[in-house]
C-alpha atoms as a PDB file:
ATOM      1  CA  MET A   1      77.959 159.987 114.099  1.00  0.00           C
ATOM      2  CA  SER A   2      78.411 156.574 115.729  1.00  0.00           C
ATOM      3  CA  VAL A   3      75.732 153.914 115.604  1.00  0.00           C
ATOM      4  CA  ARG A   4      74.549 152.405 118.891  1.00  0.00           C
ATOM      5  CA  PHE A   5      73.442 148.807 118.986  1.00  0.00           C
ATOM      6  CA  ALA A   6      71.263 146.973 121.436  1.00  0.00           C
ATOM      7  CA  ARG A   7      73.145 145.348 124.306  1.00  0.00           C
ATOM      8  CA  SER A   8      71.555 142.010 123.486  1.00  0.00           C
ATOM      9  CA  MET A   9      73.071 141.939 120.008  1.00  0.00           C
ATOM     10  CA  PRO A  10      75.902 139.361 119.941  1.00  0.00           C
ATOM     11  CA  GLU A  11      79.402 140.432 119.011  1.00  0.00           C
ATOM     12  CA  PRO A  12      80.461 139.205 115.562  1.00  0.00           C
ATOM     13  CA  LEU A  13      83.101 136.518 115.396  1.00  0.00           C
ATOM     14  CA  SER A  14      86.558 137.723 114.463  1.00  0.00           C
ATOM     15  CA  HIS A  15      88.041 136.634 111.162  1.00  0.00           C
ATOM     16  CA  THR A  16      90.290 134.180 113.000  1.00  0.00           C
ATOM     17  CA  GLN A  17      87.323 132.684 114.845  1.00  0.00           C
ATOM     18  CA  ILE A  18      85.307 132.313 111.636  1.00  0.00           C
ATOM     19  CA  VAL A  19      88.167 130.543 109.853  1.00  0.00           C
ATOM     20  CA  ARG A  20      88.905 128.335 112.861  1.00  0.00           C
ATOM     21  CA  GLN A  21      85.300 127.169 113.205  1.00  0.00           C
ATOM     22  CA  VAL A  22      85.008 126.369 109.513  1.00  0.00           C
ATOM     23  CA  GLY A  23      88.514 124.890 109.344  1.00  0.00           C
ATOM     24  CA  GLY A  24      87.446 121.926 111.470  1.00  0.00           C
ATOM     25  CA  ILE A  25      84.535 121.210 109.120  1.00  0.00           C
ATOM     26  CA  LEU A  26      86.821 121.455 106.084  1.00  0.00           C
ATOM     27  CA  LYS A  27      89.186 118.859 107.534  1.00  0.00           C
ATOM     28  CA  LYS A  28      86.314 116.451 108.178  1.00  0.00           C
ATOM     29  CA  LEU A  29      84.919 116.930 104.684  1.00  0.00           C
ATOM     30  CA  ILE A  30      88.257 116.354 102.984  1.00  0.00           C
ATOM     31  CA  GLY A  31      89.288 113.421 105.179  1.00  0.00           C
ATOM     32  CA  THR A  32      92.687 111.860 105.828  1.00  0.00           C
ATOM     33  CA  GLU A  33      92.462 108.467 104.128  1.00  0.00           C
ATOM     34  CA  LEU A  34      95.034 109.309 101.444  1.00  0.00           C
ATOM     35  CA  PRO A  35      98.246 111.398 101.762  1.00  0.00           C
ATOM     36  CA  VAL A  36      96.993 113.723  99.004  1.00  0.00           C
ATOM     37  CA  TYR A  37      94.022 114.692 101.226  1.00  0.00           C
ATOM     38  CA  LYS A  38      96.403 116.346 103.695  1.00  0.00           C
ATOM     39  CA  LYS A  39      97.953 118.262 100.797  1.00  0.00           C
ATOM     40  CA  MET A  40      94.472 119.472  99.814  1.00  0.00           C
ATOM     41  CA  GLN A  41      93.820 120.697 103.357  1.00  0.00           C
ATOM     42  CA  ASP A  42      97.093 122.619 103.282  1.00  0.00           C
ATOM     43  CA  PHE A  43      96.220 124.048  99.848  1.00  0.00           C
ATOM     44  CA  ILE A  44      92.892 125.440 101.049  1.00  0.00           C
ATOM     45  CA  ILE A  45      94.372 127.030 104.172  1.00  0.00           C
ATOM     46  CA  LYS A  46      97.343 128.495 102.276  1.00  0.00           C
ATOM     47  CA  ASN A  47      95.484 129.673  99.180  1.00  0.00           C
ATOM     48  CA  GLY A  48      92.214 130.653 100.777  1.00  0.00           C
ATOM     49  CA  GLY A  49      93.732 133.992 101.688  1.00  0.00           C
ATOM     50  CA  LYS A  50      91.208 135.923 103.754  1.00  0.00           C
ATOM     51  CA  MET A  51      88.419 133.461 102.856  1.00  0.00           C
ATOM     52  CA  ILE A  52      86.347 136.371 101.598  1.00  0.00           C
ATOM     53  CA  ARG A  53      83.446 134.248 100.377  1.00  0.00           C
ATOM     54  CA  LEU A  54      83.110 132.518 103.726  1.00  0.00           C
ATOM     55  CA  CYS A  55      83.148 135.800 105.641  1.00  0.00           C
ATOM     56  CA  LEU A  56      80.662 137.396 103.237  1.00  0.00           C
ATOM     57  CA  HIS A  57      78.277 134.481 103.826  1.00  0.00           C
ATOM     58  CA  TYR A  58      78.639 134.733 107.609  1.00  0.00           C
ATOM     59  CA  TYR A  59      78.140 138.502 107.832  1.00  0.00           C
ATOM     60  CA  THR A  60      75.217 138.504 105.395  1.00  0.00           C
ATOM     61  CA  ALA A  61      73.422 135.728 107.286  1.00  0.00           C
ATOM     62  CA  LYS A  62      73.972 137.497 110.597  1.00  0.00           C
ATOM     63  CA  MET A  63      72.910 140.875 109.173  1.00  0.00           C
ATOM     64  CA  LEU A  64      69.645 139.122 108.270  1.00  0.00           C
ATOM     65  CA  ASN A  65      69.340 137.976 111.896  1.00  0.00           C
ATOM     66  CA  TYR A  66      70.115 134.297 111.274  1.00  0.00           C
ATOM     67  CA  LYS A  67      70.817 132.572 114.592  1.00  0.00           C
ATOM     68  CA  GLY A  68      71.635 129.018 113.535  1.00  0.00           C
ATOM     69  CA  SER A  69      74.962 127.320 112.845  1.00  0.00           C
ATOM     70  CA  GLU A  70      74.592 125.967 109.315  1.00  0.00           C
ATOM     71  CA  TRP A  71      76.424 129.014 107.979  1.00  0.00           C
ATOM     72  CA  LYS A  72      79.631 127.169 108.931  1.00  0.00           C
ATOM     73  CA  HIS A  73      78.783 124.262 106.653  1.00  0.00           C
ATOM     74  CA  ILE A  74      77.733 126.403 103.696  1.00  0.00           C
ATOM     75  CA  GLY A  75      80.809 128.569 104.198  1.00  0.00           C
ATOM     76  CA  ALA A  76      82.994 125.462 104.107  1.00  0.00           C
ATOM     77  CA  VAL A  77      81.347 124.295 100.885  1.00  0.00           C
ATOM     78  CA  GLY A  78      81.950 127.679  99.278  1.00  0.00           C
ATOM     79  CA  GLU A  79      85.656 127.464 100.129  1.00  0.00           C
ATOM     80  CA  LEU A  80      85.864 123.905  98.771  1.00  0.00           C
ATOM     81  CA  ILE A  81      84.365 124.976  95.446  1.00  0.00           C
ATOM     82  CA  HIS A  82      86.594 128.052  95.263  1.00  0.00           C
ATOM     83  CA  SER A  83      89.711 125.962  95.969  1.00  0.00           C
ATOM     84  CA  ALA A  84      88.650 123.400  93.369  1.00  0.00           C
ATOM     85  CA  SER A  85      88.386 126.195  90.793  1.00  0.00           C
ATOM     86  CA  LEU A  86      91.923 127.382  91.641  1.00  0.00           C
ATOM     87  CA  LEU A  87      93.334 123.875  91.168  1.00  0.00           C
ATOM     88  CA  HIS A  88      91.643 123.615  87.774  1.00  0.00           C
ATOM     89  CA  ASP A  89      92.654 127.170  86.786  1.00  0.00           C
ATOM     90  CA  ASP A  90      96.340 126.425  87.346  1.00  0.00           C
ATOM     91  CA  VAL A  91      96.155 123.385  85.073  1.00  0.00           C
ATOM     92  CA  ILE A  92      94.286 125.256  82.326  1.00  0.00           C
ATOM     93  CA  ASP A  93      96.639 128.251  82.534  1.00  0.00           C
ATOM     94  CA  ASP A  94      99.726 126.024  82.866  1.00  0.00           C
ATOM     95  CA  SER A  95     100.677 128.023  85.976  1.00  0.00           C
ATOM     96  CA  SER A  96     103.674 126.850  87.952  1.00  0.00           C
ATOM     97  CA  GLU A  97     103.034 129.148  90.931  1.00  0.00           C
ATOM     98  CA  ARG A  98     100.139 130.013  93.231  1.00  0.00           C
ATOM     99  CA  ARG A  99     100.606 132.890  95.716  1.00  0.00           C
ATOM    100  CA  GLY A 100     104.377 132.785  95.408  1.00  0.00           C
ATOM    101  CA  ALA A 101     104.701 129.006  95.939  1.00  0.00           C
ATOM    102  CA  LEU A 102     104.769 126.080  93.530  1.00  0.00           C
ATOM    103  CA  SER A 103     101.279 125.176  92.333  1.00  0.00           C
ATOM    104  CA  THR A 104      99.735 121.753  92.943  1.00  0.00           C
ATOM    105  CA  ASN A 105      99.983 120.792  89.268  1.00  0.00           C
ATOM    106  CA  SER A 106     103.650 121.791  89.279  1.00  0.00           C
ATOM    107  CA  LEU A 107     104.368 119.703  92.391  1.00  0.00           C
ATOM    108  CA  HIS A 108     102.183 116.661  91.746  1.00  0.00           C
ATOM    109  CA  GLY A 109     101.177 116.797  88.079  1.00  0.00           C
ATOM    110  CA  ASN A 110      98.043 117.806  86.202  1.00  0.00           C
ATOM    111  CA  LYS A 111      96.175 114.554  86.858  1.00  0.00           C
ATOM    112  CA  VAL A 112      96.453 114.929  90.639  1.00  0.00           C
ATOM    113  CA  ALA A 113      95.465 118.603  90.486  1.00  0.00           C
ATOM    114  CA  ILE A 114      92.382 117.926  88.346  1.00  0.00           C
ATOM    115  CA  LEU A 115      91.228 114.951  90.418  1.00  0.00           C
ATOM    116  CA  ALA A 116      91.878 116.860  93.652  1.00  0.00           C
ATOM    117  CA  GLY A 117      89.692 119.698  92.373  1.00  0.00           C
ATOM    118  CA  ASP A 118      86.957 117.261  91.396  1.00  0.00           C
ATOM    119  CA  TYR A 119      87.162 115.629  94.818  1.00  0.00           C
ATOM    120  CA  LEU A 120      86.852 118.935  96.683  1.00  0.00           C
ATOM    121  CA  CYS A 121      83.899 120.023  94.573  1.00  0.00           C
ATOM    122  CA  SER A 122      82.012 116.726  94.904  1.00  0.00           C
ATOM    123  CA  SER A 123      82.706 116.586  98.652  1.00  0.00           C
ATOM    124  CA  GLY A 124      81.126 120.001  99.039  1.00  0.00           C
ATOM    125  CA  MET A 125      78.066 119.152  96.988  1.00  0.00           C
ATOM    126  CA  ALA A 126      77.544 115.898  98.901  1.00  0.00           C
ATOM    127  CA  HIS A 127      77.704 117.807 102.189  1.00  0.00           C
ATOM    128  CA  ILE A 128      75.008 120.265 101.105  1.00  0.00           C
ATOM    129  CA  ALA A 129      72.620 117.336 100.663  1.00  0.00           C
ATOM    130  CA  LEU A 130      72.833 116.741 104.425  1.00  0.00           C
ATOM    131  CA  LEU A 131      71.738 120.263 105.405  1.00  0.00           C
ATOM    132  CA  SER A 132      68.231 121.052 106.641  1.00  0.00           C
ATOM    133  CA  ASP A 133      67.298 123.224 103.646  1.00  0.00           C
ATOM    134  CA  SER A 134      69.256 121.283 101.040  1.00  0.00           C
ATOM    135  CA  VAL A 135      66.342 121.355  98.557  1.00  0.00           C
ATOM    136  CA  ARG A 136      66.782 125.136  98.203  1.00  0.00           C
ATOM    137  CA  ILE A 137      70.540 125.350  98.689  1.00  0.00           C
ATOM    138  CA  LEU A 138      71.789 122.527  96.449  1.00  0.00           C
ATOM    139  CA  PRO A 139      70.547 124.113  93.166  1.00  0.00           C
ATOM    140  CA  ILE A 140      72.290 127.363  94.125  1.00  0.00           C
ATOM    141  CA  PHE A 141      75.710 125.726  94.324  1.00  0.00           C
ATOM    142  CA  ALA A 142      75.076 123.397  91.381  1.00  0.00           C
ATOM    143  CA  ARG A 143      74.576 126.566  89.320  1.00  0.00           C
ATOM    144  CA  SER A 144      77.907 127.917  90.537  1.00  0.00           C
ATOM    145  CA  VAL A 145      79.843 124.778  89.579  1.00  0.00           C
ATOM    146  CA  ARG A 146      78.244 124.812  86.136  1.00  0.00           C
ATOM    147  CA  MET A 147      79.047 128.507  85.655  1.00  0.00           C
ATOM    148  CA  LEU A 148      82.700 128.014  86.645  1.00  0.00           C
ATOM    149  CA  ALA A 149      83.096 125.534  83.799  1.00  0.00           C
ATOM    150  CA  ILE A 150      81.296 127.862  81.373  1.00  0.00           C
ATOM    151  CA  GLY A 151      83.557 130.751  82.402  1.00  0.00           C
ATOM    152  CA  GLU A 152      86.722 128.756  81.711  1.00  0.00           C
ATOM    153  CA  LEU A 153      85.434 127.625  78.311  1.00  0.00           C
ATOM    154  CA  LEU A 154      84.530 131.206  77.381  1.00  0.00           C
ATOM    155  CA  GLN A 155      87.936 132.500  78.462  1.00  0.00           C
ATOM    156  CA  MET A 156      89.768 129.847  76.416  1.00  0.00           C
ATOM    157  CA  LYS A 157      87.651 130.602  73.348  1.00  0.00           C
ATOM    158  CA  TRP A 158      87.837 134.414  73.488  1.00  0.00           C
ATOM    159  CA  LYS A 159      91.224 135.017  75.136  1.00  0.00           C
ATOM    160  CA  GLU A 160      92.652 136.857  72.129  1.00  0.00           C
ATOM    161  CA  LYS A 161      89.397 138.468  70.944  1.00  0.00           C
ATOM    162  CA  MET A 162      87.956 139.666  74.223  1.00  0.00           C
ATOM    163  CA  THR A 163      85.105 142.167  74.135  1.00  0.00           C
ATOM    164  CA  GLU A 164      83.482 143.983  77.046  1.00  0.00           C
ATOM    165  CA  LYS A 165      80.404 141.784  76.721  1.00  0.00           C
ATOM    166  CA  THR A 166      82.442 138.576  76.805  1.00  0.00           C
ATOM    167  CA  TYR A 167      84.549 139.883  79.689  1.00  0.00           C
ATOM    168  CA  GLU A 168      81.397 140.527  81.735  1.00  0.00           C
ATOM    169  CA  GLU A 169      80.117 137.030  80.938  1.00  0.00           C
ATOM    170  CA  ILE A 170      83.423 135.496  82.030  1.00  0.00           C
ATOM    171  CA  ILE A 171      83.781 137.351  85.339  1.00  0.00           C
ATOM    172  CA  THR A 172      80.123 136.670  86.138  1.00  0.00           C
ATOM    173  CA  ALA A 173      80.681 132.952  85.576  1.00  0.00           C
ATOM    174  CA  LYS A 174      84.144 132.606  87.138  1.00  0.00           C
ATOM    175  CA  THR A 175      83.940 135.026  90.060  1.00  0.00           C
ATOM    176  CA  ALA A 176      80.636 136.794  90.627  1.00  0.00           C
ATOM    177  CA  CYS A 177      78.447 133.676  90.534  1.00  0.00           C
ATOM    178  CA  LEU A 178      80.083 132.033  93.574  1.00  0.00           C
ATOM    179  CA  PHE A 179      79.882 135.313  95.515  1.00  0.00           C
ATOM    180  CA  GLY A 180      76.199 135.393  94.599  1.00  0.00           C
ATOM    181  CA  CYS A 181      75.790 131.837  95.891  1.00  0.00           C
ATOM    182  CA  MET A 182      77.230 132.829  99.265  1.00  0.00           C
ATOM    183  CA  THR A 183      74.848 135.750  99.766  1.00  0.00           C
ATOM    184  CA  GLU A 184      71.841 133.980  98.245  1.00  0.00           C
ATOM    185  CA  SER A 185      72.344 130.959 100.508  1.00  0.00           C
ATOM    186  CA  ALA A 186      72.726 133.314 103.490  1.00  0.00           C
ATOM    187  CA  PHE A 187      69.288 134.689 102.681  1.00  0.00           C
ATOM    188  CA  VAL A 188      67.854 131.155 102.377  1.00  0.00           C
ATOM    189  CA  LEU A 189      69.126 130.343 105.861  1.00  0.00           C
ATOM    190  CA  ALA A 190      67.522 133.478 107.287  1.00  0.00           C
ATOM    191  CA  ASP A 191      64.229 133.218 105.356  1.00  0.00           C
ATOM    192  CA  PRO A 192      62.273 130.014 106.014  1.00  0.00           C
ATOM    193  CA  LYS A 193      59.304 131.370 104.010  1.00  0.00           C
ATOM    194  CA  GLY A 194      61.188 131.216 100.734  1.00  0.00           C
ATOM    195  CA  ASP A 195      60.574 134.674  99.258  1.00  0.00           C
ATOM    196  CA  GLN A 196      61.891 134.152  95.681  1.00  0.00           C
ATOM    197  CA  LYS A 197      62.027 137.855  94.765  1.00  0.00           C
ATOM    198  CA  LYS A 198      64.104 138.724  97.822  1.00  0.00           C
ATOM    199  CA  GLN A 199      66.301 135.692  97.240  1.00  0.00           C
ATOM    200  CA  GLU A 200      67.125 137.061  93.788  1.00  0.00           C
ATOM    201  CA  VAL A 201      67.981 140.445  95.319  1.00  0.00           C
ATOM    202  CA  TYR A 202      70.601 138.860  97.596  1.00  0.00           C
ATOM    203  CA  LYS A 203      71.966 136.791  94.748  1.00  0.00           C
ATOM    204  CA  LYS A 204      72.489 139.998  92.727  1.00  0.00           C
ATOM    205  CA  TYR A 205      74.083 141.699  95.742  1.00  0.00           C
ATOM    206  CA  GLY A 206      76.705 138.961  95.984  1.00  0.00           C
ATOM    207  CA  GLU A 207      77.295 139.001  92.246  1.00  0.00           C
ATOM    208  CA  ARG A 208      77.913 142.770  92.365  1.00  0.00           C
ATOM    209  CA  MET A 209      80.355 142.166  95.207  1.00  0.00           C
ATOM    210  CA  GLY A 210      82.185 139.505  93.183  1.00  0.00           C
ATOM    211  CA  ARG A 211      82.308 141.716  90.106  1.00  0.00           C
ATOM    212  CA  MET A 212      83.839 144.520  92.165  1.00  0.00           C
ATOM    213  CA  PHE A 213      86.487 142.153  93.600  1.00  0.00           C
ATOM    214  CA  GLN A 214      87.426 140.933  90.115  1.00  0.00           C
ATOM    215  CA  ILE A 215      87.732 144.425  88.636  1.00  0.00           C
ATOM    216  CA  ARG A 216      89.714 145.517  91.683  1.00  0.00           C
ATOM    217  CA  ASP A 217      92.004 142.504  91.204  1.00  0.00           C
ATOM    218  CA  ASP A 218      92.461 143.490  87.540  1.00  0.00           C
ATOM    219  CA  PHE A 219      93.355 147.018  88.679  1.00  0.00           C
ATOM    220  CA  LEU A 220      95.855 145.795  91.284  1.00  0.00           C
ATOM    221  CA  ASP A 221      97.614 143.567  88.757  1.00  0.00           C
ATOM    222  CA  TYR A 222      98.859 146.771  87.124  1.00  0.00           C
ATOM    223  CA  PHE A 223      98.798 149.343  89.920  1.00  0.00           C
ATOM    224  CA  GLY A 224      99.039 147.359  93.163  1.00  0.00           C
ATOM    225  CA  ASN A 225     101.910 146.713  95.550  1.00  0.00           C
ATOM    226  CA  SER A 226     103.304 143.178  95.141  1.00  0.00           C
ATOM    227  CA  LYS A 227     103.986 142.812  98.857  1.00  0.00           C
ATOM    228  CA  ILE A 228     100.426 143.783  99.761  1.00  0.00           C
ATOM    229  CA  ILE A 229      98.596 141.782  97.079  1.00  0.00           C
ATOM    230  CA  GLY A 230     100.784 138.737  97.716  1.00  0.00           C
ATOM    231  CA  LYS A 231     101.785 138.066  94.132  1.00  0.00           C
ATOM    232  CA  LYS A 232     103.937 139.409  91.345  1.00  0.00           C
ATOM    233  CA  LYS A 233     102.486 142.394  89.500  1.00  0.00           C
ATOM    234  CA  MET A 234     101.553 142.395  85.810  1.00  0.00           C
ATOM    235  CA  LEU A 235     101.024 138.640  85.554  1.00  0.00           C
ATOM    236  CA  ASP A 236      97.845 139.188  83.517  1.00  0.00           C
ATOM    237  CA  PHE A 237      99.793 141.426  81.155  1.00  0.00           C
ATOM    238  CA  GLU A 238     102.645 138.930  80.755  1.00  0.00           C
ATOM    239  CA  ARG A 239     100.129 136.146  80.030  1.00  0.00           C
ATOM    240  CA  GLY A 240      98.372 138.313  77.452  1.00  0.00           C
ATOM    241  CA  LEU A 241      95.045 138.404  79.288  1.00  0.00           C
ATOM    242  CA  ILE A 242      92.631 141.144  78.241  1.00  0.00           C
ATOM    243  CA  THR A 243      91.224 142.432  81.537  1.00  0.00           C
ATOM    244  CA  ARG A 244      89.243 145.500  82.577  1.00  0.00           C
ATOM    245  CA  PRO A 245      92.129 148.028  82.343  1.00  0.00           C
ATOM    246  CA  ILE A 246      92.923 146.963  78.778  1.00  0.00           C
ATOM    247  CA  LEU A 247      89.291 147.033  77.697  1.00  0.00           C
ATOM    248  CA  ILE A 248      88.927 150.609  78.993  1.00  0.00           C
ATOM    249  CA  LEU A 249      92.232 151.552  77.384  1.00  0.00           C
ATOM    250  CA  ARG A 250      91.047 150.276  73.988  1.00  0.00           C
ATOM    251  CA  LYS A 251      87.964 152.500  74.115  1.00  0.00           C
ATOM    252  CA  ASN A 252      89.962 155.627  74.842  1.00  0.00           C
ATOM    253  CA  LEU A 253      92.941 155.289  72.479  1.00  0.00           C
ATOM    254  CA  ASP A 254      93.064 156.647  68.949  1.00  0.00           C
ATOM    255  CA  ARG A 255      93.533 154.300  65.987  1.00  0.00           C
ATOM    256  CA  LYS A 256      97.325 154.636  65.926  1.00  0.00           C
ATOM    257  CA  ASN A 257      97.793 153.796  69.598  1.00  0.00           C
ATOM    258  CA  ASN A 258      95.213 151.008  69.450  1.00  0.00           C
ATOM    259  CA  LYS A 259      97.289 149.383  66.724  1.00  0.00           C
ATOM    260  CA  LEU A 260     100.324 149.729  68.985  1.00  0.00           C
ATOM    261  CA  LEU A 261      98.400 148.084  71.838  1.00  0.00           C
ATOM    262  CA  SER A 262      97.271 145.243  69.590  1.00  0.00           C
ATOM    263  CA  GLU A 263     100.837 144.564  68.454  1.00  0.00           C
ATOM    264  CA  LEU A 264     102.022 144.581  72.073  1.00  0.00           C
ATOM    265  CA  PHE A 265      99.580 141.841  73.023  1.00  0.00           C
ATOM    266  CA  LYS A 266     100.754 139.698  70.095  1.00  0.00           C
ATOM    267  CA  LYS A 267     104.397 139.712  71.258  1.00  0.00           C
ATOM    268  CA  GLU A 268     104.947 137.647  74.408  1.00  0.00           C
ATOM    269  CA  GLU A 269     108.645 138.448  74.656  1.00  0.00           C
ATOM    270  CA  LEU A 270     107.921 142.173  74.533  1.00  0.00           C
ATOM    271  CA  ARG A 271     105.241 141.880  77.254  1.00  0.00           C
ATOM    272  CA  HIS A 272     107.832 140.281  79.554  1.00  0.00           C
ATOM    273  CA  SER A 273     110.349 143.063  78.932  1.00  0.00           C
ATOM    274  CA  SER A 274     110.729 146.384  80.721  1.00  0.00           C
ATOM    275  CA  GLN A 275     110.246 148.067  77.336  1.00  0.00           C
ATOM    276  CA  GLY A 276     106.814 146.457  76.933  1.00  0.00           C
ATOM    277  CA  LYS A 277     105.771 147.351  80.476  1.00  0.00           C
ATOM    278  CA  ASP A 278     106.922 150.948  80.046  1.00  0.00           C
ATOM    279  CA  LEU A 279     104.901 151.094  76.843  1.00  0.00           C
ATOM    280  CA  ILE A 280     101.650 149.916  78.433  1.00  0.00           C
ATOM    281  CA  PHE A 281     102.018 152.425  81.262  1.00  0.00           C
ATOM    282  CA  SER A 282     102.676 155.240  78.815  1.00  0.00           C
ATOM    283  CA  LEU A 283      99.359 154.324  77.134  1.00  0.00           C
ATOM    284  CA  PHE A 284      97.627 154.286  80.531  1.00  0.00           C
ATOM    285  CA  GLU A 285      98.889 157.798  81.200  1.00  0.00           C
ATOM    286  CA  LYS A 286      97.546 159.071  77.885  1.00  0.00           C
ATOM    287  CA  THR A 287      94.018 158.070  78.934  1.00  0.00           C
ATOM    288  CA  ASN A 288      94.194 158.810  82.689  1.00  0.00           C
ATOM    289  CA  LEU A 289      93.229 155.151  83.182  1.00  0.00           C
ATOM    290  CA  HIS A 290      94.486 154.817  86.755  1.00  0.00           C
ATOM    291  CA  ARG A 291      92.162 157.529  88.040  1.00  0.00           C
ATOM    292  CA  ASN A 292      89.165 156.521  85.917  1.00  0.00           C
ATOM    293  CA  LEU A 293      89.276 152.876  86.953  1.00  0.00           C
ATOM    294  CA  SER A 294      89.849 153.685  90.633  1.00  0.00           C
ATOM    295  CA  LEU A 295      86.740 155.914  90.510  1.00  0.00           C
ATOM    296  CA  GLU A 296      84.740 153.087  88.910  1.00  0.00           C
ATOM    297  CA  ILE A 297      85.766 150.759  91.757  1.00  0.00           C
ATOM    298  CA  GLU A 298      84.890 153.447  94.313  1.00  0.00           C
ATOM    299  CA  GLU A 299      81.407 153.827  92.806  1.00  0.00           C
ATOM    300  CA  GLN A 300      80.838 150.086  93.003  1.00  0.00           C
ATOM    301  CA  ILE A 301      81.954 149.973  96.636  1.00  0.00           C
ATOM    302  CA  HIS A 302      79.638 152.836  97.595  1.00  0.00           C
ATOM    303  CA  ALA A 303      76.716 151.108  95.845  1.00  0.00           C
ATOM    304  CA  LEU A 304      77.383 147.989  97.933  1.00  0.00           C
ATOM    305  CA  MET A 305      77.541 150.090 101.098  1.00  0.00           C
ATOM    306  CA  LYS A 306      74.216 151.682 100.193  1.00  0.00           C
ATOM    307  CA  PHE A 307      72.602 148.240  99.911  1.00  0.00           C
ATOM    308  CA  ILE A 308      73.938 147.215 103.315  1.00  0.00           C
ATOM    309  CA  ARG A 309      72.709 150.471 104.864  1.00  0.00           C
ATOM    310  CA  SER A 310      69.199 149.722 103.568  1.00  0.00           C
ATOM    311  CA  HIS A 311      68.992 147.091 106.332  1.00  0.00           C
ATOM    312  CA  PRO A 312      68.266 147.765 110.015  1.00  0.00           C
ATOM    313  CA  ASP A 313      71.372 148.945 111.877  1.00  0.00           C
ATOM    314  CA  SER A 314      73.517 146.048 113.035  1.00  0.00           C
ATOM    315  CA  ILE A 315      77.107 145.508 114.038  1.00  0.00           C
ATOM    316  CA  PHE A 316      77.352 142.898 111.287  1.00  0.00           C
ATOM    317  CA  GLY A 317      76.348 145.394 108.605  1.00  0.00           C
ATOM    318  CA  GLU A 318      78.768 147.949 110.007  1.00  0.00           C
ATOM    319  CA  LYS A 319      81.517 145.344 109.932  1.00  0.00           C
ATOM    320  CA  MET A 320      80.933 144.742 106.223  1.00  0.00           C
ATOM    321  CA  ILE A 321      80.900 148.482 105.507  1.00  0.00           C
ATOM    322  CA  HIS A 322      84.196 148.838 107.388  1.00  0.00           C
ATOM    323  CA  GLN A 323      85.717 146.037 105.317  1.00  0.00           C
ATOM    324  CA  LEU A 324      84.486 147.617 102.078  1.00  0.00           C
ATOM    325  CA  ARG A 325      86.106 150.944 102.979  1.00  0.00           C
ATOM    326  CA  GLY A 326      89.398 149.097 103.202  1.00  0.00           C
ATOM    327  CA  LEU A 327      89.022 147.993  99.577  1.00  0.00           C
ATOM    328  CA  LEU A 328      89.114 151.517  98.132  1.00  0.00           C
ATOM    329  CA  VAL A 329      92.073 151.998  95.810  1.00  0.00           C
ATOM    330  CA  SER A 330      94.106 155.039  94.912  1.00  0.00           C
END
């Protein structure tokens, strides 16, 4: 059954239009005074991918009937902070590539990458201070920047002794928190009365969205198509990262196979070999992990759809539901 919308309801901007409108703001915020600034602009455009956080902010604000234009500025800030976190991640992880191309730290050195990330982040925070509701919005993004640092510190500390609890803390800090900022700030734009309880609801909605994206990304690292996901498969495995698939695997293996799994993650050379990759997939098959994790992701997506459907019918809500359907895995 199709949903009919009022004729007066404006058509949503296309993805290209959203990115184009925010792209101009990003260029102004970054500036052109130094040659490295142009490189930062190129980095954001190239590594922003689909600019999911920006689009989530736009569609959430519009679903809540926001009619202003400050969504562009908050969306730009979200992308600046996200890009800053990628620059810092590549230094911490000693990564030489980002989306199939040489990373900034590989091209220009760690010092440039770190300072570029700091510059992007501080530029975004300074811009928030100029917005009409900066008193409510600035603490939201300050929390996100703080949590990104906490997430990296947790991951460095517990990389080899990851538990489900620590994993949840890390993905909340590194991924879900910024998603939550985008939806929470969308609510702030649409709600001049400042309903704190509802604001928390929209924060949690974004965090659930971010958690789903991270678990889906963990799934695709093992089971995705390299051409579609835009990066080499099994990078997490080669780097020895304990992600959602491995945590589930641990719970479902017997003692003998868990010992085998533990030994595999201690041997970097084996993880890079076809023998090691065949071994991990044989363990996945023993536990039916592919199906179980894909069902978990499906449940999360349907829960997000249910939240969106709790709002009055709108073309913006339907657009988000359509996008979520496209994230189902098999």
